[in-house]
PDB file of N, CA and C in Angstrom:
ATOM      1  N   MET A   1     -68.074  47.020 127.346  1.00  0.00           N
ATOM      2  CA  MET A   1     -67.902  46.546 126.135  1.00  0.00           C
ATOM      3  C   MET A   1     -66.650  47.001 125.339  1.00  0.00           C
ATOM      4  N   ILE A   2     -65.761  46.265 124.776  1.00  0.00           N
ATOM      5  CA  ILE A   2     -64.768  47.068 123.804  1.00  0.00           C
ATOM      6  C   ILE A   2     -65.203  47.467 122.662  1.00  0.00           C
ATOM      7  N   ASP A   3     -65.051  48.786 122.153  1.00  0.00           N
ATOM      8  CA  ASP A   3     -65.338  49.240 120.878  1.00  0.00           C
ATOM      9  C   ASP A   3     -64.411  48.954 119.759  1.00  0.00           C
ATOM     10  N   ASP A   4     -64.735  49.257 118.581  1.00  0.00           N
ATOM     11  CA  ASP A   4     -63.594  48.895 117.390  1.00  0.00           C
ATOM     12  C   ASP A   4     -62.378  49.677 117.399  1.00  0.00           C
ATOM     13  N   LEU A   5     -62.593  51.127 117.870  1.00  0.00           N
ATOM     14  CA  LEU A   5     -61.669  51.948 117.857  1.00  0.00           C
ATOM     15  C   LEU A   5     -60.543  51.303 118.923  1.00  0.00           C
ATOM     16  N   ASN A   6     -61.004  50.914 120.078  1.00  0.00           N
ATOM     17  CA  ASN A   6     -59.887  50.304 121.105  1.00  0.00           C
ATOM     18  C   ASN A   6     -59.176  49.236 120.656  1.00  0.00           C
ATOM     19  N   VAL A   7     -60.067  48.378 119.913  1.00  0.00           N
ATOM     20  CA  VAL A   7     -59.380  46.993 119.201  1.00  0.00           C
ATOM     21  C   VAL A   7     -58.437  47.409 118.253  1.00  0.00           C
ATOM     22  N   LEU A   8     -58.821  48.384 117.539  1.00  0.00           N
ATOM     23  CA  LEU A   8     -57.686  48.957 116.126  1.00  0.00           C
ATOM     24  C   LEU A   8     -56.557  49.661 117.001  1.00  0.00           C
ATOM     25  N   LEU A   9     -56.724  50.337 117.859  1.00  0.00           N
ATOM     26  CA  LEU A   9     -55.518  51.022 118.661  1.00  0.00           C
ATOM     27  C   LEU A   9     -54.734  49.904 119.215  1.00  0.00           C
ATOM     28  N   VAL A  10     -55.122  48.805 119.891  1.00  0.00           N
ATOM     29  CA  VAL A  10     -54.539  47.719 120.559  1.00  0.00           C
ATOM     30  C   VAL A  10     -53.661  47.042 119.377  1.00  0.00           C
ATOM     31  N   LEU A  11     -54.346  46.799 118.353  1.00  0.00           N
ATOM     32  CA  LEU A  11     -53.700  46.157 117.167  1.00  0.00           C
ATOM     33  C   LEU A  11     -52.442  46.889 116.698  1.00  0.00           C
ATOM     34  N   LEU A  12     -52.579  48.213 116.427  1.00  0.00           N
ATOM     35  CA  LEU A  12     -51.530  49.152 115.842  1.00  0.00           C
ATOM     36  C   LEU A  12     -50.589  49.124 116.849  1.00  0.00           C
ATOM     37  N   ILE A  13     -50.770  49.189 118.189  1.00  0.00           N
ATOM     38  CA  ILE A  13     -49.576  49.342 119.001  1.00  0.00           C
ATOM     39  C   ILE A  13     -48.953  48.019 119.167  1.00  0.00           C
ATOM     40  N   ILE A  14     -49.439  46.787 119.191  1.00  0.00           N
ATOM     41  CA  ILE A  14     -49.008  45.408 119.086  1.00  0.00           C
ATOM     42  C   ILE A  14     -48.072  45.504 117.921  1.00  0.00           C
ATOM     43  N   SER A  15     -48.576  45.844 116.820  1.00  0.00           N
ATOM     44  CA  SER A  15     -47.690  45.947 115.497  1.00  0.00           C
ATOM     45  C   SER A  15     -46.698  46.510 115.436  1.00  0.00           C
ATOM     46  N   VAL A  16     -46.714  47.774 115.847  1.00  0.00           N
ATOM     47  CA  VAL A  16     -45.638  48.711 115.922  1.00  0.00           C
ATOM     48  C   VAL A  16     -44.417  48.251 116.941  1.00  0.00           C
ATOM     49  N   ILE A  17     -44.922  47.653 117.963  1.00  0.00           N
ATOM     50  CA  ILE A  17     -43.856  47.079 118.854  1.00  0.00           C
ATOM     51  C   ILE A  17     -43.255  45.845 118.232  1.00  0.00           C
ATOM     52  N   THR A  18     -43.849  44.898 117.657  1.00  0.00           N
ATOM     53  CA  THR A  18     -43.255  43.733 116.991  1.00  0.00           C
ATOM     54  C   THR A  18     -42.304  44.135 115.935  1.00  0.00           C
ATOM     55  N   ILE A  19     -42.914  45.048 115.052  1.00  0.00           N
ATOM     56  CA  ILE A  19     -41.928  45.251 113.934  1.00  0.00           C
ATOM     57  C   ILE A  19     -40.601  45.936 114.524  1.00  0.00           C
ATOM     58  N   SER A  20     -40.824  46.823 115.489  1.00  0.00           N
ATOM     59  CA  SER A  20     -39.618  47.509 116.080  1.00  0.00           C
ATOM     60  C   SER A  20     -38.710  46.549 116.639  1.00  0.00           C
ATOM     61  N   LEU A  21     -39.379  45.534 117.293  1.00  0.00           N
ATOM     62  CA  LEU A  21     -38.349  44.669 118.068  1.00  0.00           C
ATOM     63  C   LEU A  21     -37.697  43.727 117.033  1.00  0.00           C
ATOM     64  N   ARG A  22     -38.109  43.401 115.866  1.00  0.00           N
ATOM     65  CA  ARG A  22     -37.569  42.670 114.890  1.00  0.00           C
ATOM     66  C   ARG A  22     -36.568  43.553 113.919  1.00  0.00           C
ATOM     67  N   LEU A  23     -36.823  44.750 113.863  1.00  0.00           N
ATOM     68  CA  LEU A  23     -35.846  45.757 113.123  1.00  0.00           C
ATOM     69  C   LEU A  23     -34.751  46.088 113.989  1.00  0.00           C
ATOM     70  N   ILE A  24     -34.815  46.191 115.342  1.00  0.00           N
ATOM     71  CA  ILE A  24     -33.866  46.622 116.086  1.00  0.00           C
ATOM     72  C   ILE A  24     -32.463  45.910 116.086  1.00  0.00           C
ATOM     73  N   PRO A  25     -32.362  44.686 115.902  1.00  0.00           N
ATOM     74  CA  PRO A  25     -31.018  43.941 116.061  1.00  0.00           C
ATOM     75  C   PRO A  25     -30.539  44.162 114.447  1.00  0.00           C
ATOM     76  N   PHE A  26     -31.309  44.311 113.537  1.00  0.00           N
ATOM     77  CA  PHE A  26     -30.459  44.832 112.136  1.00  0.00           C
ATOM     78  C   PHE A  26     -30.046  46.139 112.201  1.00  0.00           C
ATOM     79  N   ILE A  27     -30.798  46.993 112.794  1.00  0.00           N
ATOM     80  CA  ILE A  27     -30.170  48.405 112.820  1.00  0.00           C
ATOM     81  C   ILE A  27     -28.861  48.363 113.740  1.00  0.00           C
ATOM     82  N   ILE A  28     -28.908  47.550 114.950  1.00  0.00           N
ATOM     83  CA  ILE A  28     -27.778  47.768 115.588  1.00  0.00           C
ATOM     84  C   ILE A  28     -26.495  47.046 114.991  1.00  0.00           C
ATOM     85  N   LEU A  29     -26.778  45.923 114.278  1.00  0.00           N
ATOM     86  CA  LEU A  29     -25.772  45.202 113.426  1.00  0.00           C
ATOM     87  C   LEU A  29     -25.261  46.239 112.361  1.00  0.00           C
ATOM     88  N   ASN A  30     -25.990  46.962 111.805  1.00  0.00           N
ATOM     89  CA  ASN A  30     -25.473  47.915 110.573  1.00  0.00           C
ATOM     90  C   ASN A  30     -24.674  49.242 111.290  1.00  0.00           C
ATOM     91  N   VAL A  31     -25.103  49.440 112.470  1.00  0.00           N
ATOM     92  CA  VAL A  31     -24.136  50.511 113.276  1.00  0.00           C
ATOM     93  C   VAL A  31     -22.840  49.928 113.484  1.00  0.00           C
ATOM     94  N   LEU A  32     -22.780  48.637 114.145  1.00  0.00           N
ATOM     95  CA  LEU A  32     -21.651  47.928 114.576  1.00  0.00           C
ATOM     96  C   LEU A  32     -20.872  47.119 113.484  1.00  0.00           C
ATOM     97  N   THR A  33     -20.822  47.399 112.290  1.00  0.00           N
ATOM     98  CA  THR A  33     -20.482  46.637 111.277  1.00  0.00           C
ATOM     99  C   THR A  33     -18.631  46.555 111.458  1.00  0.00           C
ATOM    100  N   ASN A  34     -18.062  47.520 112.056  1.00  0.00           N
ATOM    101  CA  ASN A  34     -16.775  47.629 112.013  1.00  0.00           C
ATOM    102  C   ASN A  34     -16.195  47.072 113.372  1.00  0.00           C
ATOM    103  N   ASN A  35     -17.104  46.667 114.205  1.00  0.00           N
ATOM    104  CA  ASN A  35     -16.921  46.102 115.600  1.00  0.00           C
ATOM    105  C   ASN A  35     -16.369  44.984 115.496  1.00  0.00           C
ATOM    106  N   LYS A  36     -14.994  44.694 116.345  1.00  0.00           N
ATOM    107  CA  LYS A  36     -14.170  43.458 116.088  1.00  0.00           C
ATOM    108  C   LYS A  36     -15.032  42.375 116.789  1.00  0.00           C
ATOM    109  N   TYR A  37     -15.648  42.607 117.938  1.00  0.00           N
ATOM    110  CA  TYR A  37     -16.196  41.736 118.841  1.00  0.00           C
ATOM    111  C   TYR A  37     -17.474  40.994 118.008  1.00  0.00           C
ATOM    112  N   ILE A  38     -18.206  41.908 117.294  1.00  0.00           N
ATOM    113  CA  ILE A  38     -19.282  41.594 116.417  1.00  0.00           C
ATOM    114  C   ILE A  38     -18.754  40.628 115.319  1.00  0.00           C
ATOM    115  N   ASN A  39     -17.740  41.152 114.759  1.00  0.00           N
ATOM    116  CA  ASN A  39     -17.238  40.233 113.723  1.00  0.00           C
ATOM    117  C   ASN A  39     -16.591  38.878 114.222  1.00  0.00           C
ATOM    118  N   PHE A  40     -16.107  38.718 115.388  1.00  0.00           N
ATOM    119  CA  PHE A  40     -15.626  37.535 115.986  1.00  0.00           C
ATOM    120  C   PHE A  40     -16.825  36.747 116.170  1.00  0.00           C
ATOM    121  N   ILE A  41     -17.846  37.235 116.487  1.00  0.00           N
ATOM    122  CA  ILE A  41     -19.301  36.404 117.079  1.00  0.00           C
ATOM    123  C   ILE A  41     -19.652  35.965 115.658  1.00  0.00           C
ATOM    124  N   LYS A  42     -19.839  36.458 114.493  1.00  0.00           N
ATOM    125  CA  LYS A  42     -20.240  36.334 113.209  1.00  0.00           C
ATOM    126  C   LYS A  42     -19.476  35.179 112.652  1.00  0.00           C
ATOM    127  N   GLU A  43     -18.084  35.083 113.042  1.00  0.00           N
ATOM    128  CA  GLU A  43     -17.290  34.043 112.519  1.00  0.00           C
ATOM    129  C   GLU A  43     -17.285  32.779 113.237  1.00  0.00           C
ATOM    130  N   LYS A  44     -17.572  32.925 114.521  1.00  0.00           N
ATOM    131  CA  LYS A  44     -17.329  31.798 115.352  1.00  0.00           C
ATOM    132  C   LYS A  44     -18.767  31.122 115.714  1.00  0.00           C
ATOM    133  N   MET A  45     -19.777  31.902 115.478  1.00  0.00           N
ATOM    134  CA  MET A  45     -21.160  31.437 115.903  1.00  0.00           C
ATOM    135  C   MET A  45     -21.651  30.000 115.417  1.00  0.00           C
ATOM    136  N   PRO A  46     -21.511  29.794 113.976  1.00  0.00           N
ATOM    137  CA  PRO A  46     -21.783  28.570 113.465  1.00  0.00           C
ATOM    138  C   PRO A  46     -21.416  27.320 114.076  1.00  0.00           C
ATOM    139  N   THR A  47     -20.133  27.475 114.305  1.00  0.00           N
ATOM    140  CA  THR A  47     -19.328  26.146 114.885  1.00  0.00           C
ATOM    141  C   THR A  47     -19.809  26.088 116.257  1.00  0.00           C
ATOM    142  N   GLY A  48     -20.091  27.153 117.191  1.00  0.00           N
ATOM    143  CA  GLY A  48     -20.567  26.895 118.519  1.00  0.00           C
ATOM    144  C   GLY A  48     -21.851  26.428 118.540  1.00  0.00           C
ATOM    145  N   ILE A  49     -22.876  26.873 117.595  1.00  0.00           N
ATOM    146  CA  ILE A  49     -24.116  26.381 117.402  1.00  0.00           C
ATOM    147  C   ILE A  49     -24.245  24.910 117.175  1.00  0.00           C
ATOM    148  N   MET A  50     -23.129  24.439 116.114  1.00  0.00           N
ATOM    149  CA  MET A  50     -23.083  23.043 115.746  1.00  0.00           C
ATOM    150  C   MET A  50     -22.769  22.189 117.104  1.00  0.00           C
ATOM    151  N   ILE A  51     -21.740  22.851 117.779  1.00  0.00           N
ATOM    152  CA  ILE A  51     -21.366  21.887 119.230  1.00  0.00           C
ATOM    153  C   ILE A  51     -22.270  21.803 120.115  1.00  0.00           C
ATOM    154  N   LEU A  52     -23.120  22.845 120.284  1.00  0.00           N
ATOM    155  CA  LEU A  52     -24.252  22.835 121.267  1.00  0.00           C
ATOM    156  C   LEU A  52     -25.383  21.850 120.774  1.00  0.00           C
ATOM    157  N   LEU A  53     -25.733  21.721 119.525  1.00  0.00           N
ATOM    158  CA  LEU A  53     -26.832  20.982 118.936  1.00  0.00           C
ATOM    159  C   LEU A  53     -26.189  19.503 119.250  1.00  0.00           C
ATOM    160  N   MET A  54     -24.891  19.163 119.009  1.00  0.00           N
ATOM    161  CA  MET A  54     -24.387  17.864 119.057  1.00  0.00           C
ATOM    162  C   MET A  54     -24.284  17.481 120.654  1.00  0.00           C
ATOM    163  N   ILE A  55     -24.039  18.350 121.535  1.00  0.00           N
ATOM    164  CA  ILE A  55     -24.149  17.888 122.885  1.00  0.00           C
ATOM    165  C   ILE A  55     -25.574  17.636 123.337  1.00  0.00           C
ATOM    166  N   TYR A  56     -26.454  18.417 122.872  1.00  0.00           N
ATOM    167  CA  TYR A  56     -27.890  18.400 123.207  1.00  0.00           C
ATOM    168  C   TYR A  56     -28.546  16.955 122.710  1.00  0.00           C
ATOM    169  N   SER A  57     -27.929  16.447 121.541  1.00  0.00           N
ATOM    170  CA  SER A  57     -28.568  15.486 121.042  1.00  0.00           C
ATOM    171  C   SER A  57     -28.176  14.266 121.785  1.00  0.00           C
ATOM    172  N   CYS A  58     -27.049  14.341 122.510  1.00  0.00           N
ATOM    173  CA  CYS A  58     -26.440  13.214 123.170  1.00  0.00           C
ATOM    174  C   CYS A  58     -26.865  13.361 124.573  1.00  0.00           C
ATOM    175  N   ASN A  59     -27.425  14.351 125.142  1.00  0.00           N
ATOM    176  CA  ASN A  59     -27.782  14.716 126.516  1.00  0.00           C
ATOM    177  C   ASN A  59     -28.434  13.477 127.353  1.00  0.00           C
ATOM    178  N   THR A  60     -29.475  13.049 126.650  1.00  0.00           N
ATOM    179  CA  THR A  60     -30.502  12.018 127.474  1.00  0.00           C
ATOM    180  C   THR A  60     -30.032  10.602 127.193  1.00  0.00           C
ATOM    181  N   GLN A  61     -29.137  10.536 126.213  1.00  0.00           N
ATOM    182  CA  GLN A  61     -28.648   8.857 125.797  1.00  0.00           C
ATOM    183  C   GLN A  61     -27.696   8.332 126.819  1.00  0.00           C
ATOM    184  N   GLN A  62     -28.181   7.143 127.352  1.00  0.00           N
ATOM    185  CA  GLN A  62     -27.259   6.434 128.255  1.00  0.00           C
ATOM    186  C   GLN A  62     -26.395   5.637 127.351  1.00  0.00           C
ATOM    187  N   ILE A  63     -24.996   5.404 127.876  1.00  0.00           N
ATOM    188  CA  ILE A  63     -23.910   4.855 127.181  1.00  0.00           C
ATOM    189  C   ILE A  63     -24.145   3.305 127.312  1.00  0.00           C
ATOM    190  N   THR A  64     -24.909   2.796 128.070  1.00  0.00           N
ATOM    191  CA  THR A  64     -25.153   1.301 128.342  1.00  0.00           C
ATOM    192  C   THR A  64     -26.204   0.780 127.014  1.00  0.00           C
ATOM    193  N   THR A  65     -26.735   1.657 126.430  1.00  0.00           N
ATOM    194  CA  THR A  65     -27.802   1.203 125.460  1.00  0.00           C
ATOM    195  C   THR A  65     -27.136   1.214 124.050  1.00  0.00           C
ATOM    196  N   TYR A  66     -26.117   0.433 123.819  1.00  0.00           N
ATOM    197  CA  TYR A  66     -25.272   0.630 122.665  1.00  0.00           C
ATOM    198  C   TYR A  66     -26.040   0.446 121.425  1.00  0.00           C
ATOM    199  N   LEU A  67     -26.964  -0.131 121.243  1.00  0.00           N
ATOM    200  CA  LEU A  67     -27.773  -0.186 120.041  1.00  0.00           C
ATOM    201  C   LEU A  67     -28.221   0.857 119.436  1.00  0.00           C
ATOM    202  N   TYR A  68     -28.679   1.775 120.482  1.00  0.00           N
ATOM    203  CA  TYR A  68     -28.903   3.140 120.102  1.00  0.00           C
ATOM    204  C   TYR A  68     -27.926   4.290 120.198  1.00  0.00           C
ATOM    205  N   TRP A  69     -26.851   4.132 120.776  1.00  0.00           N
ATOM    206  CA  TRP A  69     -25.690   5.047 121.132  1.00  0.00           C
ATOM    207  C   TRP A  69     -24.982   4.922 119.848  1.00  0.00           C
ATOM    208  N   ILE A  70     -24.650   3.839 118.858  1.00  0.00           N
ATOM    209  CA  ILE A  70     -23.818   3.832 117.971  1.00  0.00           C
ATOM    210  C   ILE A  70     -24.380   4.436 116.749  1.00  0.00           C
ATOM    211  N   PRO A  71     -25.601   4.300 116.432  1.00  0.00           N
ATOM    212  CA  PRO A  71     -26.263   5.198 115.303  1.00  0.00           C
ATOM    213  C   PRO A  71     -26.244   6.570 115.665  1.00  0.00           C
ATOM    214  N   ARG A  72     -26.352   7.104 116.793  1.00  0.00           N
ATOM    215  CA  ARG A  72     -26.504   8.420 117.217  1.00  0.00           C
ATOM    216  C   ARG A  72     -25.048   9.025 116.962  1.00  0.00           C
ATOM    217  N   LEU A  73     -23.951   8.156 117.262  1.00  0.00           N
ATOM    218  CA  LEU A  73     -22.441   8.555 117.196  1.00  0.00           C
ATOM    219  C   LEU A  73     -22.071   8.648 115.838  1.00  0.00           C
ATOM    220  N   MET A  74     -22.598   7.702 115.115  1.00  0.00           N
ATOM    221  CA  MET A  74     -22.244   7.837 113.522  1.00  0.00           C
ATOM    222  C   MET A  74     -23.007   8.793 112.803  1.00  0.00           C
ATOM    223  N   GLY A  75     -24.021   9.291 113.248  1.00  0.00           N
ATOM    224  CA  GLY A  75     -24.797  10.429 112.766  1.00  0.00           C
ATOM    225  C   GLY A  75     -24.158  11.764 112.995  1.00  0.00           C
ATOM    226  N   LEU A  76     -23.557  11.941 114.380  1.00  0.00           N
ATOM    227  CA  LEU A  76     -22.823  12.868 114.820  1.00  0.00           C
ATOM    228  C   LEU A  76     -21.518  13.139 114.383  1.00  0.00           C
ATOM    229  N   SER A  77     -20.841  12.088 113.976  1.00  0.00           N
ATOM    230  CA  SER A  77     -19.606  11.927 113.439  1.00  0.00           C
ATOM    231  C   SER A  77     -19.621  12.324 111.919  1.00  0.00           C
ATOM    232  N   LEU A  78     -20.759  12.082 111.356  1.00  0.00           N
ATOM    233  CA  LEU A  78     -20.751  12.393 109.957  1.00  0.00           C
ATOM    234  C   LEU A  78     -21.213  13.681 109.943  1.00  0.00           C
ATOM    235  N   THR A  79     -21.968  14.260 110.852  1.00  0.00           N
ATOM    236  CA  THR A  79     -22.444  15.790 110.725  1.00  0.00           C
ATOM    237  C   THR A  79     -21.194  16.722 110.982  1.00  0.00           C
ATOM    238  N   ALA A  80     -20.240  16.162 112.006  1.00  0.00           N
ATOM    239  CA  ALA A  80     -19.227  16.985 112.237  1.00  0.00           C
ATOM    240  C   ALA A  80     -17.989  16.873 111.188  1.00  0.00           C
ATOM    241  N   LEU A  81     -18.061  15.819 110.593  1.00  0.00           N
ATOM    242  CA  LEU A  81     -16.950  15.584 109.349  1.00  0.00           C
ATOM    243  C   LEU A  81     -17.431  16.527 108.259  1.00  0.00           C
ATOM    244  N   ILE A  82     -18.650  16.579 107.729  1.00  0.00           N
ATOM    245  CA  ILE A  82     -19.028  17.259 106.856  1.00  0.00           C
ATOM    246  C   ILE A  82     -18.896  18.754 107.069  1.00  0.00           C
ATOM    247  N   TYR A  83     -19.482  19.105 108.352  1.00  0.00           N
ATOM    248  CA  TYR A  83     -19.295  20.528 108.606  1.00  0.00           C
ATOM    249  C   TYR A  83     -17.820  21.083 108.508  1.00  0.00           C
ATOM    250  N   TRP A  84     -16.944  20.066 109.155  1.00  0.00           N
ATOM    251  CA  TRP A  84     -15.631  20.539 108.962  1.00  0.00           C
ATOM    252  C   TRP A  84     -15.035  20.549 107.553  1.00  0.00           C
ATOM    253  N   LYS A  85     -15.484  19.663 106.753  1.00  0.00           N
ATOM    254  CA  LYS A  85     -14.903  19.841 105.245  1.00  0.00           C
ATOM    255  C   LYS A  85     -15.563  21.077 104.490  1.00  0.00           C
ATOM    256  N   THR A  86     -16.884  21.102 104.967  1.00  0.00           N
ATOM    257  CA  THR A  86     -17.539  22.064 103.825  1.00  0.00           C
ATOM    258  C   THR A  86     -18.009  23.489 104.391  1.00  0.00           C
ATOM    259  N   HIS A  87     -17.944  23.614 105.704  1.00  0.00           N
ATOM    260  CA  HIS A  87     -18.416  24.708 106.611  1.00  0.00           C
ATOM    261  C   HIS A  87     -19.884  25.113 106.120  1.00  0.00           C
ATOM    262  N   ASN A  88     -20.603  24.119 105.621  1.00  0.00           N
ATOM    263  CA  ASN A  88     -22.130  24.231 105.392  1.00  0.00           C
ATOM    264  C   ASN A  88     -22.928  23.575 106.409  1.00  0.00           C
ATOM    265  N   ALA A  89     -23.587  24.478 107.232  1.00  0.00           N
ATOM    266  CA  ALA A  89     -24.267  23.992 108.521  1.00  0.00           C
ATOM    267  C   ALA A  89     -25.435  23.230 108.030  1.00  0.00           C
ATOM    268  N   LEU A  90     -26.400  23.648 106.886  1.00  0.00           N
ATOM    269  CA  LEU A  90     -27.495  23.025 106.475  1.00  0.00           C
ATOM    270  C   LEU A  90     -27.306  21.703 105.792  1.00  0.00           C
ATOM    271  N   LEU A  91     -26.161  21.672 105.009  1.00  0.00           N
ATOM    272  CA  LEU A  91     -25.637  20.349 104.504  1.00  0.00           C
ATOM    273  C   LEU A  91     -25.318  19.358 105.560  1.00  0.00           C
ATOM    274  N   SER A  92     -24.530  19.711 106.427  1.00  0.00           N
ATOM    275  CA  SER A  92     -23.992  18.880 107.488  1.00  0.00           C
ATOM    276  C   SER A  92     -25.214  18.348 108.252  1.00  0.00           C
ATOM    277  N   ILE A  93     -25.992  19.092 108.710  1.00  0.00           N
ATOM    278  CA  ILE A  93     -27.205  18.678 109.643  1.00  0.00           C
ATOM    279  C   ILE A  93     -27.995  17.913 108.873  1.00  0.00           C
ATOM    280  N   GLY A  94     -28.405  18.213 107.566  1.00  0.00           N
ATOM    281  CA  GLY A  94     -29.380  17.529 106.756  1.00  0.00           C
ATOM    282  C   GLY A  94     -28.712  15.874 106.563  1.00  0.00           C
ATOM    283  N   LEU A  95     -27.501  15.932 106.034  1.00  0.00           N
ATOM    284  CA  LEU A  95     -26.999  14.464 105.844  1.00  0.00           C
ATOM    285  C   LEU A  95     -26.695  13.738 107.173  1.00  0.00           C
ATOM    286  N   GLY A  96     -26.242  14.444 108.189  1.00  0.00           N
ATOM    287  CA  GLY A  96     -26.221  13.805 109.440  1.00  0.00           C
ATOM    288  C   GLY A  96     -27.693  13.325 110.064  1.00  0.00           C
ATOM    289  N   LEU A  97     -28.620  13.928 109.836  1.00  0.00           N
ATOM    290  CA  LEU A  97     -29.893  13.657 110.214  1.00  0.00           C
ATOM    291  C   LEU A  97     -30.463  12.413 109.423  1.00  0.00           C
ATOM    292  N   PHE A  98     -30.025  12.700 108.247  1.00  0.00           N
ATOM    293  CA  PHE A  98     -30.593  11.429 107.180  1.00  0.00           C
ATOM    294  C   PHE A  98     -29.860  10.175 107.756  1.00  0.00           C
ATOM    295  N   SER A  99     -28.503  10.251 107.671  1.00  0.00           N
ATOM    296  CA  SER A  99     -27.805   9.140 108.164  1.00  0.00           C
ATOM    297  C   SER A  99     -28.326   8.472 109.458  1.00  0.00           C
ATOM    298  N   PHE A 100     -28.675   9.301 110.272  1.00  0.00           N
ATOM    299  CA  PHE A 100     -29.127   8.750 111.656  1.00  0.00           C
ATOM    300  C   PHE A 100     -30.414   8.158 111.679  1.00  0.00           C
ATOM    301  N   MET A 101     -31.270   8.906 110.753  1.00  0.00           N
ATOM    302  CA  MET A 101     -32.659   8.425 110.518  1.00  0.00           C
ATOM    303  C   MET A 101     -32.692   6.938 109.910  1.00  0.00           C
ATOM    304  N   TYR A 102     -31.819   7.033 108.724  1.00  0.00           N
ATOM    305  CA  TYR A 102     -31.739   5.871 107.860  1.00  0.00           C
ATOM    306  C   TYR A 102     -31.106   4.593 108.820  1.00  0.00           C
ATOM    307  N   ILE A 103     -30.292   4.767 109.635  1.00  0.00           N
ATOM    308  CA  ILE A 103     -29.708   3.792 110.366  1.00  0.00           C
ATOM    309  C   ILE A 103     -30.587   3.211 111.492  1.00  0.00           C
ATOM    310  N   MET A 104     -31.259   4.187 111.976  1.00  0.00           N
ATOM    311  CA  MET A 104     -32.221   3.830 113.010  1.00  0.00           C
ATOM    312  C   MET A 104     -33.525   3.284 112.616  1.00  0.00           C
ATOM    313  N   ASN A 105     -33.977   3.829 111.507  1.00  0.00           N
ATOM    314  CA  ASN A 105     -35.311   3.259 110.947  1.00  0.00           C
ATOM    315  C   ASN A 105     -35.333   2.141 109.986  1.00  0.00           C
ATOM    316  N   ILE A 106     -34.022   1.851 109.298  1.00  0.00           N
ATOM    317  CA  ILE A 106     -33.902   0.866 108.417  1.00  0.00           C
ATOM    318  C   ILE A 106     -32.856  -0.198 108.593  1.00  0.00           C
ATOM    319  N   TYR A 107     -31.754   0.288 109.101  1.00  0.00           N
ATOM    320  CA  TYR A 107     -30.547  -0.730 109.195  1.00  0.00           C
ATOM    321  C   TYR A 107     -30.863  -1.573 110.461  1.00  0.00           C
ATOM    322  N   VAL A 108     -31.041  -0.872 111.785  1.00  0.00           N
ATOM    323  CA  VAL A 108     -31.233  -1.371 112.794  1.00  0.00           C
ATOM    324  C   VAL A 108     -32.200  -2.399 112.986  1.00  0.00           C
ATOM    325  N   PRO A 109     -33.428  -2.080 112.660  1.00  0.00           N
ATOM    326  CA  PRO A 109     -34.784  -3.045 112.577  1.00  0.00           C
ATOM    327  C   PRO A 109     -34.180  -4.230 111.814  1.00  0.00           C
ATOM    328  N   ASN A 110     -33.708  -4.142 110.542  1.00  0.00           N
ATOM    329  CA  ASN A 110     -33.488  -5.288 109.753  1.00  0.00           C
ATOM    330  C   ASN A 110     -32.511  -6.195 110.128  1.00  0.00           C
ATOM    331  N   HIS A 111     -31.519  -5.595 110.825  1.00  0.00           N
ATOM    332  CA  HIS A 111     -30.326  -6.374 111.177  1.00  0.00           C
ATOM    333  C   HIS A 111     -30.156  -7.031 112.777  1.00  0.00           C
ATOM    334  N   PHE A 112     -30.681  -6.111 113.552  1.00  0.00           N
ATOM    335  CA  PHE A 112     -30.431  -6.579 114.845  1.00  0.00           C
ATOM    336  C   PHE A 112     -31.870  -6.922 115.595  1.00  0.00           C
ATOM    337  N   LEU A 113     -33.062  -6.583 115.005  1.00  0.00           N
ATOM    338  CA  LEU A 113     -34.190  -6.698 115.908  1.00  0.00           C
ATOM    339  C   LEU A 113     -35.027  -8.021 115.328  1.00  0.00           C
ATOM    340  N   HIS A 114     -34.464  -8.833 114.721  1.00  0.00           N
ATOM    341  CA  HIS A 114     -35.134 -10.084 114.084  1.00  0.00           C
ATOM    342  C   HIS A 114     -35.087 -10.989 115.276  1.00  0.00           C
TER     343      HIS A 114
END
C-alpha cells in the first residue's frame, strides 16, 4: 500500500515538472528577444493561424451542397475581411462565427427550408 509520504512526493514531482514545462517557453523567449527569426514568427503567426483555421473549417464541406457552402463562405469572407482591416483575431473570429451561426440557424431555415 502507498503511504502518504510517497503520494506527497509524487505530487511534488509532478507539480515541479508541470510548472517547469510552462515556464521554459517564457524563459527562452526572454533570452531570444533580439532574434530575427523569433520576431518574424511573432509578426506572422496570427495570419498563419487564421489561414489554417479557415482551411480547416472548409475541410469536410462538399462543394455540391451549396445551401450549406454559401453561409460558410460568407462567414469565412467576413472573418478574413475584418481581420485584414483590423488585425484583431478575436474580433474577426467572433463576428465571423456570429454571422455564420446567424445565417445557418436563422436565415437558412426561415427562407429555404419551408
